[in-house]
Amino acid sequence: MSRIAQRFVELKAQKRKALIPFVTAGDPNPNVTVPLLHAMVEAGADLLELGVPFSDPMAEGPTIQKACERALEHDVSLHDVLAMVKEFRQTDTDTPVVLMGYMNPVEIMGYENFASEASDAGVDGLLTVDMPPEEAGDLLAALSEASIDPIFLLAPTTVDERIAKVCAAASGFVYYVSLKGVTGAANLDVAAVAHKVEQIRKHTDLPIGVGFGIRDAETAQRVSAVADAVVVGSAVVNRVAENAEQPEKINEAVCSLLRDMRAAMDKA
């Protein structure tokens, strides 16, 4: 059983939902990332989503675009991100880590080489925004060989036939994008999310995580009532950005948000 699957089994037994914060690796500088990952776990994160900086992050809104820019000012590469995960694993062998990014860096490294190095570093899952499952055969084979879960996105506009295809290719969990548009969008309709989650459940037994539009404890609580996991991206990255000039304040700024979310979700 993968680390991701094991974590969801544990949470289900505890009748709790997963809190999955997202940060961009190397934002605002490479020295911040690993201590922040540990701090987020202490604040209640159950899984971690670590963004691989990319120069053209097409699915991201301004907040995460700027995070990528800050990281790329330090030339943070996919190799650097894997090194950060490896450093994190020196003292945390339990918390699942999912890399989120775009295909170009993985293509450059090569599927088999990437999967091998990611596995050695302690990566548990890979979410590639611009790789549809229909074209992912070679990548899926490499990830499977390395016991890394491929995680795919579903959208509000995804129809039943495609939901079935995506769920068949996925493992670990399925990520439902709750809003049309880019990361950082608002106007979350939890009733619509609940309806779509039930539609997805007809096609898979995998846990369903919901992201986009979750900005505070109240929205995290409402979404946790209808999904298995709450993914928090822009709200976390905003806290990083607000303290980029004083990085010693980042951990507490981020963790105060996560502690509030964790407490609210546990009451749901």
Protein backbone atom coordinates (compact mmCIF):
# COMPACT_ATOMS: atom_id res chain seq x y z
CA MET A 1 0.00 0.00 0.00
CA SER A 2 1.35 3.41 -0.95
CA ARG A 3 1.98 6.12 1.62
CA ILE A 4 -0.94 8.09 0.15
CA ALA A 5 -3.35 5.16 0.36
CA GLN A 6 -2.19 4.38 3.89
CA ARG A 7 -2.76 7.95 5.01
CA PHE A 8 -6.33 7.96 3.69
CA VAL A 9 -7.03 4.61 5.38
CA GLU A 10 -5.81 6.08 8.67
CA LEU A 11 -7.92 9.21 8.26
CA LYS A 12 -11.02 7.22 7.40
CA ALA A 13 -10.59 5.14 10.55
CA GLN A 14 -10.33 8.39 12.52
CA LYS A 15 -13.36 9.84 10.69
CA ARG A 16 -11.26 12.79 9.61
CA LYS A 17 -10.63 14.46 6.27
CA ALA A 18 -7.25 15.20 4.73
CA LEU A 19 -5.81 18.70 4.73
CA ILE A 20 -3.42 19.14 1.79
CA PRO A 21 -1.59 22.47 1.58
CA PHE A 22 0.29 23.50 -1.54
CA VAL A 23 3.49 25.52 -1.69
CA THR A 24 5.84 26.26 -4.55
CA ALA A 25 9.28 24.79 -3.96
CA GLY A 26 11.92 27.47 -3.57
CA ASP A 27 9.46 30.31 -2.87
CA PRO A 28 10.61 32.89 -1.83
CA ASN A 29 14.01 31.22 -1.57
CA PRO A 30 15.18 27.59 -1.42
CA ASN A 31 16.08 27.73 2.28
CA VAL A 32 12.43 28.27 3.25
CA THR A 33 10.86 25.18 1.72
CA VAL A 34 11.92 22.18 3.85
CA PRO A 35 11.39 23.89 7.23
CA LEU A 36 7.99 25.07 5.96
CA LEU A 37 7.02 21.52 4.96
CA HIS A 38 7.80 20.28 8.47
CA ALA A 39 5.95 23.20 10.04
CA MET A 40 2.84 22.51 7.96
CA VAL A 41 2.79 18.89 9.10
CA GLU A 42 3.00 20.05 12.70
CA ALA A 43 0.11 22.45 12.02
CA GLY A 44 -2.16 19.62 10.84
CA ALA A 45 -1.33 18.89 7.20
CA ASP A 46 -1.95 15.25 6.28
CA LEU A 47 -0.39 15.28 2.81
CA LEU A 48 1.84 17.88 1.16
CA GLU A 49 1.60 19.18 -2.39
CA LEU A 50 4.87 20.66 -3.59
CA GLY A 51 4.84 22.76 -6.73
CA VAL A 52 7.68 22.45 -9.24
CA PRO A 53 8.48 25.99 -10.46
CA PHE A 54 7.74 26.48 -14.14
CA SER A 55 8.02 29.49 -16.43
CA ASP A 56 4.58 29.04 -18.03
CA PRO A 57 2.18 27.73 -15.35
CA MET A 58 -0.95 27.89 -17.48
CA ALA A 59 -3.42 26.67 -14.84
CA GLU A 60 -2.30 29.11 -12.19
CA GLY A 61 -3.62 32.52 -11.28
CA PRO A 62 -1.39 35.50 -10.43
CA THR A 63 -0.58 34.30 -6.90
CA ILE A 64 1.08 31.03 -7.89
CA GLN A 65 2.52 32.51 -11.10
CA LYS A 66 4.41 35.01 -8.96
CA ALA A 67 5.50 32.22 -6.61
CA CYS A 68 7.03 30.42 -9.58
CA GLU A 69 8.77 33.63 -10.62
CA ARG A 70 10.25 34.11 -7.14
CA ALA A 71 11.52 30.52 -7.10
CA LEU A 72 12.94 30.75 -10.61
CA GLU A 73 14.90 33.83 -9.62
CA HIS A 74 16.93 31.32 -7.59
CA ASP A 75 17.09 28.87 -10.55
CA VAL A 76 15.13 26.22 -8.65
CA SER A 77 14.94 23.16 -10.91
CA LEU A 78 13.20 19.80 -10.73
CA HIS A 79 16.46 18.33 -9.45
CA ASP A 80 16.44 20.90 -6.64
CA VAL A 81 12.84 20.02 -5.78
CA LEU A 82 13.73 16.34 -5.51
CA ALA A 83 16.65 17.27 -3.27
CA MET A 84 14.23 19.16 -1.01
CA VAL A 85 11.98 16.11 -0.74
CA LYS A 86 14.99 13.94 0.07
CA GLU A 87 16.01 16.36 2.83
CA PHE A 88 12.45 16.38 4.19
CA ARG A 89 12.48 12.57 4.29
CA GLN A 90 15.50 12.56 6.60
CA THR A 91 13.17 13.31 9.52
CA ASP A 92 9.68 12.59 8.16
CA THR A 93 9.13 9.19 6.59
CA ASP A 94 5.35 9.15 7.01
CA THR A 95 3.79 12.25 5.41
CA PRO A 96 2.93 11.72 1.73
CA VAL A 97 4.44 14.23 -0.71
CA VAL A 98 2.85 14.92 -4.11
CA LEU A 99 4.71 16.89 -6.76
CA MET A 100 2.50 19.20 -8.81
CA GLY A 101 3.69 20.77 -12.04
CA TYR A 102 3.94 20.63 -15.79
CA MET A 103 5.31 18.05 -18.18
CA ASN A 104 8.25 19.96 -19.63
CA PRO A 105 10.70 19.39 -16.73
CA VAL A 106 9.71 15.72 -16.50
CA GLU A 107 10.07 15.27 -20.26
CA ILE A 108 13.54 16.80 -20.15
CA MET A 109 14.64 14.47 -17.36
CA GLY A 110 13.02 11.45 -19.04
CA TYR A 111 10.15 9.43 -17.58
CA GLU A 112 12.13 6.50 -16.24
CA ASN A 113 14.93 8.66 -14.88
CA PHE A 114 12.46 11.01 -13.23
CA ALA A 115 10.44 8.19 -11.69
CA SER A 116 13.56 6.51 -10.33
CA GLU A 117 14.99 9.71 -8.85
CA ALA A 118 11.63 10.80 -7.45
CA SER A 119 11.12 7.43 -5.80
CA ASP A 120 14.61 7.53 -4.31
CA ALA A 121 13.90 11.01 -2.95
CA GLY A 122 10.65 9.89 -1.31
CA VAL A 123 8.01 11.31 -3.67
CA ASP A 124 4.65 9.55 -3.41
CA GLY A 125 2.55 11.10 -6.17
CA LEU A 126 2.76 13.19 -9.33
CA LEU A 127 0.15 15.59 -10.65
CA THR A 128 0.97 16.97 -14.10
CA VAL A 129 -1.54 19.59 -15.13
CA ASP A 130 -0.91 19.32 -18.87
CA MET A 131 -0.72 15.53 -19.25
CA PRO A 132 -4.09 13.91 -20.05
CA PRO A 133 -4.37 10.22 -19.20
CA GLU A 134 -4.97 9.37 -22.87
CA GLU A 135 -1.38 10.40 -23.64
CA ALA A 136 0.22 9.27 -20.40
CA GLY A 137 0.87 5.61 -21.14
CA ASP A 138 4.68 5.74 -21.01
CA LEU A 139 4.66 8.04 -17.98
CA LEU A 140 2.14 5.84 -16.16
CA ALA A 141 4.31 2.78 -16.78
CA ALA A 142 7.38 4.52 -15.36
CA LEU A 143 5.47 5.79 -12.32
CA SER A 144 3.98 2.36 -11.68
CA GLU A 145 7.41 0.75 -11.78
CA ALA A 146 8.58 3.28 -9.17
CA SER A 147 5.41 2.94 -7.02
CA ILE A 148 4.47 6.61 -7.52
CA ASP A 149 0.76 7.44 -7.70
CA PRO A 150 -0.39 9.37 -10.79
CA ILE A 151 -2.96 11.98 -9.80
CA PHE A 152 -5.26 13.58 -12.35
CA LEU A 153 -7.59 16.56 -12.38
CA LEU A 154 -11.33 16.59 -12.97
CA ALA A 155 -13.26 19.78 -13.70
CA PRO A 156 -16.86 20.99 -13.28
CA THR A 157 -17.35 20.46 -17.02
CA THR A 158 -16.00 16.88 -17.08
CA VAL A 159 -18.63 14.45 -18.37
CA ASP A 160 -19.27 10.92 -17.10
CA GLU A 161 -17.39 9.14 -19.88
CA ARG A 162 -14.24 11.12 -19.25
CA ILE A 163 -14.58 10.87 -15.46
CA ALA A 164 -14.49 7.10 -15.88
CA LYS A 165 -11.33 7.27 -18.05
CA VAL A 166 -9.52 9.61 -15.69
CA CYS A 167 -10.43 7.58 -12.61
CA ALA A 168 -9.26 4.37 -14.29
CA ALA A 169 -5.80 5.90 -14.85
CA ALA A 170 -5.47 7.51 -11.41
CA SER A 171 -4.29 6.17 -8.08
CA GLY A 172 -3.74 7.71 -4.67
CA PHE A 173 -6.63 10.12 -4.95
CA VAL A 174 -8.57 12.08 -7.57
CA TYR A 175 -8.31 15.86 -7.58
CA TYR A 176 -11.51 17.74 -8.37
CA VAL A 177 -11.03 21.34 -9.47
CA SER A 178 -14.09 22.99 -7.96
CA LEU A 179 -14.12 26.11 -10.15
CA LYS A 180 -13.80 26.96 -13.80
CA GLY A 181 -10.72 29.08 -14.40
CA VAL A 182 -7.30 29.33 -12.77
CA THR A 183 -6.08 28.87 -9.21
CA GLY A 184 -7.00 31.66 -6.85
CA ALA A 185 -10.55 32.06 -8.16
CA ALA A 186 -13.36 32.74 -5.70
CA ASN A 187 -17.14 32.16 -5.54
CA LEU A 188 -17.03 28.57 -4.33
CA ASP A 189 -20.41 26.82 -4.63
CA VAL A 190 -20.23 23.95 -2.14
CA ALA A 191 -23.62 22.53 -3.18
CA ALA A 192 -22.33 22.21 -6.74
CA VAL A 193 -19.13 20.63 -5.42
CA ALA A 194 -21.13 18.08 -3.45
CA HIS A 195 -23.16 17.16 -6.54
CA LYS A 196 -20.03 16.67 -8.65
CA VAL A 197 -18.26 14.66 -5.96
CA GLU A 198 -21.19 12.26 -5.85
CA GLN A 199 -21.02 11.96 -9.63
CA ILE A 200 -17.31 11.13 -9.42
CA ARG A 201 -17.87 8.56 -6.66
CA LYS A 202 -19.93 6.48 -9.08
CA HIS A 203 -16.73 5.83 -11.04
CA THR A 204 -14.09 5.26 -8.38
CA ASP A 205 -13.39 4.10 -4.85
CA LEU A 206 -10.38 6.44 -4.64
CA PRO A 207 -10.55 9.34 -2.20
CA ILE A 208 -11.63 12.62 -3.77
CA GLY A 209 -9.76 15.81 -2.97
CA VAL A 210 -11.22 19.22 -3.79
CA GLY A 211 -9.14 22.30 -4.54
CA PHE A 212 -9.51 25.85 -5.92
CA GLY A 213 -11.50 28.46 -4.02
CA ILE A 214 -10.68 27.23 -0.50
CA ARG A 215 -9.39 30.34 1.22
CA ASP A 216 -10.19 30.15 4.94
CA ALA A 217 -11.35 27.90 7.77
CA GLU A 218 -15.01 28.28 6.87
CA THR A 219 -14.62 27.19 3.24
CA ALA A 220 -12.29 24.36 4.30
CA GLN A 221 -14.91 23.13 6.76
CA ARG A 222 -17.73 23.26 4.21
CA VAL A 223 -15.75 21.40 1.56
CA SER A 224 -14.50 18.79 4.03
CA ALA A 225 -18.11 17.88 4.73
CA VAL A 226 -18.56 16.66 1.13
CA ALA A 227 -15.06 15.51 0.09
CA ASP A 228 -12.27 13.30 1.42
CA ALA A 229 -9.58 15.96 1.21
CA VAL A 230 -9.27 19.73 1.08
CA VAL A 231 -6.44 21.14 -1.08
CA VAL A 232 -5.36 24.67 -0.19
CA GLY A 233 -3.09 26.48 -2.62
CA SER A 234 -3.39 30.20 -3.25
CA ALA A 235 -4.42 31.01 0.33
CA VAL A 236 -1.19 29.43 1.58
CA VAL A 237 0.98 30.94 -1.14
CA ASN A 238 -0.49 34.37 -0.37
CA ARG A 239 0.80 34.04 3.20
CA VAL A 240 4.24 33.19 1.82
CA ALA A 241 4.14 36.16 -0.54
CA GLU A 242 3.08 38.58 2.19
CA ASN A 243 6.16 37.65 4.18
CA ALA A 244 8.64 37.13 1.35
CA GLU A 245 10.83 39.98 2.60
CA GLN A 246 10.80 38.56 6.13
CA PRO A 247 10.99 34.79 5.56
CA GLU A 248 11.42 34.08 9.25
CA LYS A 249 7.72 34.97 9.61
CA ILE A 250 6.47 32.62 6.87
CA ASN A 251 6.07 29.45 8.94
CA GLU A 252 3.80 31.04 11.53
CA ALA A 253 1.82 32.99 8.92
CA VAL A 254 1.08 29.80 6.98
CA CYS A 255 0.60 27.55 9.99
CA SER A 256 -1.87 29.84 11.73
CA LEU A 257 -4.10 29.46 8.65
CA LEU A 258 -3.66 25.69 8.58
CA ARG A 259 -4.35 25.29 12.30
CA ASP A 260 -7.61 27.20 11.88
CA MET A 261 -8.55 25.04 8.89
CA ARG A 262 -7.65 21.82 10.70
CA ALA A 263 -9.73 22.76 13.73
CA ALA A 264 -12.72 23.74 11.58
CA MET A 265 -12.50 20.57 9.49
CA ASP A 266 -12.38 18.37 12.57
CA LYS A 267 -15.63 19.93 13.73
CA ALA A 268 -17.41 19.26 10.42
